[in-house]
N, C-alpha and C. Protein backbone atom coordinates (compact mmCIF):
# COMPACT_ATOMS: atom_id res chain seq x y z
N GLN A 1 0.92 -1.32 -0.06
CA GLN A 1 -0.08 0.07 0.02
C GLN A 1 0.86 1.26 -0.05
N VAL A 2 0.46 2.16 -0.91
CA VAL A 2 1.37 3.39 -0.95
C VAL A 2 0.65 4.57 -0.14
N ASN A 3 1.42 5.25 0.80
CA ASN A 3 0.85 6.32 1.46
C ASN A 3 1.09 7.59 0.90
N LEU A 4 0.35 7.92 -0.28
CA LEU A 4 0.47 9.14 -0.99
C LEU A 4 -0.82 9.78 -1.22
N GLU A 5 -0.91 10.93 -1.28
CA GLU A 5 -2.23 11.57 -1.52
C GLU A 5 -2.28 12.78 -2.68
N GLU A 6 -2.90 12.40 -3.52
CA GLU A 6 -3.09 13.22 -4.79
C GLU A 6 -4.24 14.16 -4.60
N SER A 7 -4.06 15.51 -5.18
CA SER A 7 -5.12 16.33 -5.13
C SER A 7 -4.89 17.23 -6.28
N GLY A 8 -5.86 17.99 -6.57
CA GLY A 8 -5.92 19.00 -7.74
C GLY A 8 -6.92 18.74 -8.92
N GLY A 9 -7.58 17.43 -8.88
CA GLY A 9 -8.36 17.01 -9.91
C GLY A 9 -9.58 17.82 -10.03
N GLY A 10 -10.42 17.74 -11.02
CA GLY A 10 -11.64 18.44 -11.09
C GLY A 10 -12.29 18.38 -12.37
N LEU A 11 -13.16 19.27 -12.55
CA LEU A 11 -13.82 19.33 -14.17
C LEU A 11 -13.44 20.62 -14.70
N VAL A 12 -13.06 20.35 -16.00
CA VAL A 12 -12.59 21.55 -16.89
C VAL A 12 -13.05 21.44 -18.05
N GLN A 13 -13.03 22.39 -18.75
CA GLN A 13 -13.61 22.39 -20.36
C GLN A 13 -12.30 22.20 -21.10
N ALA A 14 -12.41 21.57 -22.28
CA ALA A 14 -11.46 21.38 -23.31
C ALA A 14 -10.60 22.63 -23.48
N GLY A 15 -9.13 22.60 -23.56
CA GLY A 15 -8.50 23.82 -23.55
C GLY A 15 -7.93 24.23 -22.34
N GLY A 16 -8.47 23.73 -21.06
CA GLY A 16 -8.31 24.33 -19.93
C GLY A 16 -7.02 23.72 -19.30
N SER A 17 -6.68 24.01 -18.02
CA SER A 17 -5.56 23.69 -17.28
C SER A 17 -5.82 23.15 -15.84
N LEU A 18 -5.07 22.35 -15.48
CA LEU A 18 -5.14 21.89 -13.95
C LEU A 18 -3.69 21.69 -13.68
N ARG A 19 -3.55 21.65 -12.36
CA ARG A 19 -2.31 21.31 -11.60
C ARG A 19 -2.65 20.39 -10.61
N LEU A 20 -1.93 19.11 -10.64
CA LEU A 20 -1.98 18.17 -9.72
C LEU A 20 -1.18 18.23 -8.69
N SER A 21 -1.15 17.98 -7.45
CA SER A 21 -0.01 17.73 -6.54
C SER A 21 -0.06 16.52 -5.64
N CYS A 22 1.18 16.11 -5.25
CA CYS A 22 1.13 14.92 -4.63
C CYS A 22 2.38 15.08 -3.65
N THR A 23 2.00 14.83 -2.21
CA THR A 23 3.02 14.89 -1.30
C THR A 23 3.43 13.41 -0.77
N ALA A 24 4.57 13.21 -0.72
CA ALA A 24 4.87 11.82 -0.39
C ALA A 24 5.70 11.89 0.92
N PRO A 25 5.71 10.61 1.63
CA PRO A 25 6.63 10.68 2.68
C PRO A 25 7.95 10.80 2.26
N ARG A 26 8.91 11.35 3.17
CA ARG A 26 10.18 12.00 2.83
C ARG A 26 10.96 10.76 2.26
N ASN A 27 10.89 9.64 3.00
CA ASN A 27 11.89 8.39 2.63
C ASN A 27 11.42 7.92 1.30
N ILE A 28 10.24 7.99 0.84
CA ILE A 28 9.85 7.48 -0.38
C ILE A 28 10.31 8.64 -1.49
N TYR A 29 10.06 9.75 -1.02
CA TYR A 29 10.33 10.91 -2.16
C TYR A 29 11.63 11.16 -2.40
N ARG A 30 12.57 10.97 -1.57
CA ARG A 30 14.05 11.23 -1.58
C ARG A 30 14.81 10.32 -2.35
N PHE A 31 14.17 9.13 -2.22
CA PHE A 31 15.12 8.01 -3.13
C PHE A 31 14.56 7.26 -4.13
N ASN A 32 13.32 7.71 -4.68
CA ASN A 32 12.71 7.19 -5.80
C ASN A 32 12.32 8.03 -6.87
N THR A 33 12.30 7.56 -8.09
CA THR A 33 11.70 8.22 -9.16
C THR A 33 10.13 8.47 -8.87
N MET A 34 9.56 9.30 -9.18
CA MET A 34 8.35 9.59 -8.98
C MET A 34 7.37 9.80 -10.32
N GLY A 35 6.18 9.64 -10.34
CA GLY A 35 5.67 9.93 -11.52
C GLY A 35 4.03 10.10 -11.35
N TRP A 36 3.43 10.07 -12.43
CA TRP A 36 1.79 10.13 -12.61
C TRP A 36 1.48 9.24 -13.47
N TRP A 37 0.42 8.50 -13.18
CA TRP A 37 -0.19 7.50 -13.91
C TRP A 37 -1.71 7.97 -14.02
N ARG A 38 -2.40 7.40 -15.01
CA ARG A 38 -3.71 7.61 -15.16
C ARG A 38 -4.54 6.66 -15.79
N GLN A 39 -5.87 6.34 -15.47
CA GLN A 39 -6.57 5.35 -16.00
C GLN A 39 -8.03 5.93 -16.41
N ALA A 40 -8.42 5.62 -17.63
CA ALA A 40 -9.71 5.82 -18.18
C ALA A 40 -10.67 4.69 -18.21
N PRO A 41 -11.90 4.93 -18.16
CA PRO A 41 -12.74 3.70 -18.14
C PRO A 41 -12.38 2.75 -19.18
N GLU A 42 -12.35 1.69 -19.02
CA GLU A 42 -12.41 0.42 -19.85
C GLU A 42 -10.92 0.56 -20.69
N THR A 43 -9.90 1.19 -19.85
CA THR A 43 -8.72 1.49 -20.52
C THR A 43 -7.72 1.02 -19.31
N PRO A 44 -6.55 0.45 -19.85
CA PRO A 44 -5.61 0.15 -18.88
C PRO A 44 -4.71 1.25 -18.43
N ARG A 45 -4.26 1.26 -17.17
CA ARG A 45 -3.58 2.23 -16.52
C ARG A 45 -2.49 2.46 -17.39
N GLU A 46 -2.04 3.86 -17.62
CA GLU A 46 -0.89 4.15 -18.31
C GLU A 46 -0.05 5.25 -17.58
N THR A 47 1.21 5.09 -17.96
CA THR A 47 2.14 6.04 -17.47
C THR A 47 1.95 7.38 -17.97
N VAL A 48 1.89 8.52 -17.54
CA VAL A 48 1.83 9.70 -18.05
C VAL A 48 3.00 10.60 -18.04
N ALA A 49 3.67 10.51 -16.89
CA ALA A 49 5.11 11.16 -16.88
C ALA A 49 5.94 10.73 -15.56
N THR A 50 6.94 10.69 -15.74
CA THR A 50 7.96 10.34 -14.39
C THR A 50 9.21 11.25 -14.25
N ILE A 51 9.44 11.43 -13.04
CA ILE A 51 10.75 12.56 -12.98
C ILE A 51 11.75 11.85 -11.98
N SER A 52 12.82 11.64 -12.23
CA SER A 52 13.81 11.14 -11.55
C SER A 52 14.33 11.90 -10.29
N ILE A 53 15.18 11.43 -9.45
CA ILE A 53 15.70 12.07 -8.42
C ILE A 53 16.58 13.29 -8.81
N THR A 54 17.11 13.07 -9.98
CA THR A 54 17.96 14.41 -10.51
C THR A 54 17.21 15.07 -11.49
N GLY A 55 15.96 15.01 -11.44
CA GLY A 55 15.12 15.78 -12.47
C GLY A 55 14.95 15.46 -13.88
N LEU A 56 15.50 14.27 -14.24
CA LEU A 56 15.21 13.70 -15.56
C LEU A 56 13.74 13.38 -15.68
N THR A 57 13.07 13.68 -16.82
CA THR A 57 11.78 13.47 -16.97
C THR A 57 11.45 12.72 -18.24
N ASN A 58 10.26 12.02 -18.32
CA ASN A 58 9.70 11.15 -19.40
C ASN A 58 8.29 11.41 -19.52
N TYR A 59 7.66 11.57 -20.67
CA TYR A 59 6.39 11.86 -20.78
C TYR A 59 5.80 10.83 -21.90
N ALA A 60 4.61 10.48 -21.56
CA ALA A 60 3.88 9.76 -22.64
C ALA A 60 3.77 10.64 -24.03
N ASP A 61 3.81 10.00 -25.11
CA ASP A 61 3.70 10.71 -26.28
C ASP A 61 2.41 11.42 -26.44
N SER A 62 1.27 11.13 -25.90
CA SER A 62 0.06 11.85 -25.91
C SER A 62 -0.02 13.12 -25.14
N VAL A 63 0.98 13.14 -24.21
CA VAL A 63 0.88 14.58 -23.24
C VAL A 63 1.96 15.28 -23.45
N ARG A 64 3.20 14.83 -24.23
CA ARG A 64 4.53 15.60 -24.25
C ARG A 64 3.90 16.83 -25.02
N GLY A 65 4.59 18.03 -24.55
CA GLY A 65 4.28 19.35 -24.80
C GLY A 65 3.21 20.01 -24.29
N ARG A 66 2.27 19.18 -23.64
CA ARG A 66 1.29 19.87 -22.86
C ARG A 66 1.20 19.72 -21.28
N PHE A 67 1.96 18.78 -20.86
CA PHE A 67 1.98 18.31 -19.42
C PHE A 67 3.49 18.59 -18.95
N THR A 68 3.67 18.99 -17.94
CA THR A 68 4.91 19.22 -17.28
C THR A 68 4.83 18.58 -15.92
N ILE A 69 5.87 17.69 -15.62
CA ILE A 69 6.15 17.12 -14.16
C ILE A 69 7.21 17.87 -13.71
N SER A 70 7.23 18.26 -12.34
CA SER A 70 8.20 18.74 -11.51
C SER A 70 8.13 18.18 -10.37
N ARG A 71 9.18 18.52 -9.40
CA ARG A 71 9.29 18.17 -8.10
C ARG A 71 9.87 19.12 -7.32
N ASP A 72 9.44 19.38 -6.04
CA ASP A 72 9.88 20.52 -4.99
C ASP A 72 10.36 19.58 -3.89
N ASP A 73 11.71 19.55 -4.05
CA ASP A 73 12.35 18.71 -2.83
C ASP A 73 12.16 19.19 -1.55
N ALA A 74 12.02 20.46 -1.25
CA ALA A 74 11.78 21.07 0.12
C ALA A 74 10.56 20.75 0.68
N LYS A 75 9.44 20.34 -0.26
CA LYS A 75 8.11 20.12 0.10
C LYS A 75 7.81 18.53 -0.06
N ASN A 76 8.89 17.87 -0.69
CA ASN A 76 8.43 16.47 -0.92
C ASN A 76 7.30 16.23 -1.66
N THR A 77 7.14 17.15 -2.71
CA THR A 77 5.89 17.18 -3.47
C THR A 77 6.15 17.12 -4.75
N VAL A 78 5.37 16.28 -5.65
CA VAL A 78 5.51 16.18 -7.04
C VAL A 78 4.17 17.05 -7.74
N TYR A 79 4.34 17.67 -8.83
CA TYR A 79 3.32 18.25 -9.45
C TYR A 79 3.24 17.82 -11.01
N LEU A 80 1.94 17.91 -11.40
CA LEU A 80 1.82 17.68 -12.83
C LEU A 80 0.80 18.95 -13.31
N GLN A 81 1.45 19.78 -13.96
CA GLN A 81 0.80 20.85 -14.71
C GLN A 81 0.19 20.32 -15.85
N MET A 82 -1.09 20.55 -16.34
CA MET A 82 -1.40 20.01 -17.39
C MET A 82 -2.30 21.22 -18.07
N SER A 83 -2.07 21.33 -19.28
CA SER A 83 -2.27 22.31 -20.30
C SER A 83 -3.03 21.90 -21.57
N GLY A 84 -3.88 22.67 -22.18
CA GLY A 84 -4.33 22.09 -23.41
C GLY A 84 -5.18 20.83 -23.14
N LEU A 85 -6.02 20.69 -22.12
CA LEU A 85 -6.51 19.62 -21.88
C LEU A 85 -7.60 19.22 -23.00
N THR A 86 -7.78 17.70 -23.09
CA THR A 86 -8.65 17.41 -24.10
C THR A 86 -9.69 16.35 -23.48
N PRO A 87 -10.79 16.00 -24.09
CA PRO A 87 -11.58 14.93 -23.36
C PRO A 87 -10.72 13.59 -23.18
N GLU A 88 -9.87 13.32 -23.99
CA GLU A 88 -9.01 12.00 -23.97
C GLU A 88 -8.09 12.11 -22.87
N ASP A 89 -8.06 13.21 -22.03
CA ASP A 89 -7.25 13.41 -20.88
C ASP A 89 -8.06 12.73 -19.60
N THR A 90 -9.43 12.64 -19.77
CA THR A 90 -10.25 12.35 -18.66
C THR A 90 -9.73 11.04 -18.09
N GLY A 91 -9.73 10.92 -16.75
CA GLY A 91 -9.37 9.70 -16.05
C GLY A 91 -9.01 10.08 -14.64
N VAL A 92 -8.71 8.86 -13.86
CA VAL A 92 -8.25 9.14 -12.46
C VAL A 92 -6.62 9.14 -12.66
N TYR A 93 -6.18 10.16 -11.96
CA TYR A 93 -4.70 10.29 -12.04
C TYR A 93 -4.16 9.76 -10.67
N TYR A 94 -3.23 9.05 -10.59
CA TYR A 94 -2.47 8.50 -9.61
C TYR A 94 -0.87 8.89 -9.50
N CYS A 95 -0.45 9.35 -8.33
CA CYS A 95 0.76 9.61 -8.01
C CYS A 95 1.53 8.42 -7.42
N ASN A 96 2.70 8.19 -7.69
CA ASN A 96 3.36 7.07 -7.23
C ASN A 96 4.74 6.98 -7.46
N SER A 97 5.52 6.50 -6.59
CA SER A 97 6.98 6.19 -6.86
C SER A 97 7.01 4.88 -7.93
N ASP A 98 8.12 5.07 -8.76
CA ASP A 98 8.10 4.08 -9.73
C ASP A 98 8.19 2.72 -9.26
N GLN A 99 9.08 2.50 -8.18
CA GLN A 99 9.12 1.24 -7.56
C GLN A 99 7.74 0.56 -7.01
N ALA A 100 7.01 1.32 -6.60
CA ALA A 100 5.72 0.96 -5.97
C ALA A 100 4.79 0.71 -7.08
N SER A 101 4.90 1.29 -8.32
CA SER A 101 3.88 1.23 -9.42
C SER A 101 4.17 -0.24 -10.15
N ARG A 102 5.49 -0.59 -9.82
CA ARG A 102 5.85 -1.90 -10.50
C ARG A 102 5.33 -3.12 -9.63
N TYR A 103 5.06 -2.87 -8.41
CA TYR A 103 4.39 -3.90 -7.34
C TYR A 103 2.82 -3.63 -7.66
N ASN A 104 2.40 -2.60 -8.37
CA ASN A 104 0.95 -2.64 -8.37
C ASN A 104 0.33 -1.92 -7.14
N PHE A 105 0.95 -1.20 -6.39
CA PHE A 105 0.63 -0.52 -5.30
C PHE A 105 0.06 0.85 -5.61
N TRP A 106 -1.16 1.32 -5.33
CA TRP A 106 -2.04 2.48 -5.80
C TRP A 106 -2.67 2.98 -4.99
N GLY A 107 -2.89 4.56 -4.62
CA GLY A 107 -3.65 5.06 -3.82
C GLY A 107 -4.95 5.12 -4.42
N GLN A 108 -5.72 6.38 -4.00
CA GLN A 108 -7.07 6.58 -4.56
C GLN A 108 -7.04 7.34 -5.73
N GLY A 109 -6.11 8.09 -5.84
CA GLY A 109 -6.12 8.96 -7.07
C GLY A 109 -7.01 10.40 -6.91
N THR A 110 -6.74 11.08 -8.02
CA THR A 110 -7.72 12.26 -8.04
C THR A 110 -8.29 12.29 -9.40
N ARG A 111 -9.56 12.48 -9.67
CA ARG A 111 -10.18 12.40 -10.87
C ARG A 111 -10.05 13.71 -11.78
N VAL A 112 -9.87 13.60 -12.84
CA VAL A 112 -9.88 14.77 -13.79
C VAL A 112 -10.89 14.49 -15.01
N THR A 113 -11.65 15.37 -15.23
CA THR A 113 -12.65 15.28 -16.09
C THR A 113 -12.60 16.49 -17.17
N VAL A 114 -12.62 16.18 -18.45
CA VAL A 114 -12.48 17.30 -19.26
C VAL A 114 -13.64 17.17 -20.29
N SER A 115 -14.57 18.27 -20.37
CA SER A 115 -15.62 18.22 -21.12
C SER A 115 -15.43 19.21 -22.47
N SER A 116 -16.09 18.67 -23.33
CA SER A 116 -16.13 19.32 -24.72
C SER A 116 -17.45 20.12 -25.23
């Protein structure tokens, strides 16, 4: 079980923006690649973006150029800034460490709904 809390989801119109936040326990945050995953109805969970301890980032092709992942080491917090949202971005977004994701440990997530 992952002790992470996601926040910032909500309902937005296409073209809008949201910023998701996730604060992790220090021992997890400091020593792990962190990231965001999402799952749409009847769709497998997919990786959206990850960021390493040193700040190296990876993005899904579908969000590259629109989403930005970042981390604030002083706050043990990971962010996902989402812009140019489309209905295809709708889903439940999960924050996690890369390691925990590989063991399929997930929290509750935060729901993002994009209307057209």
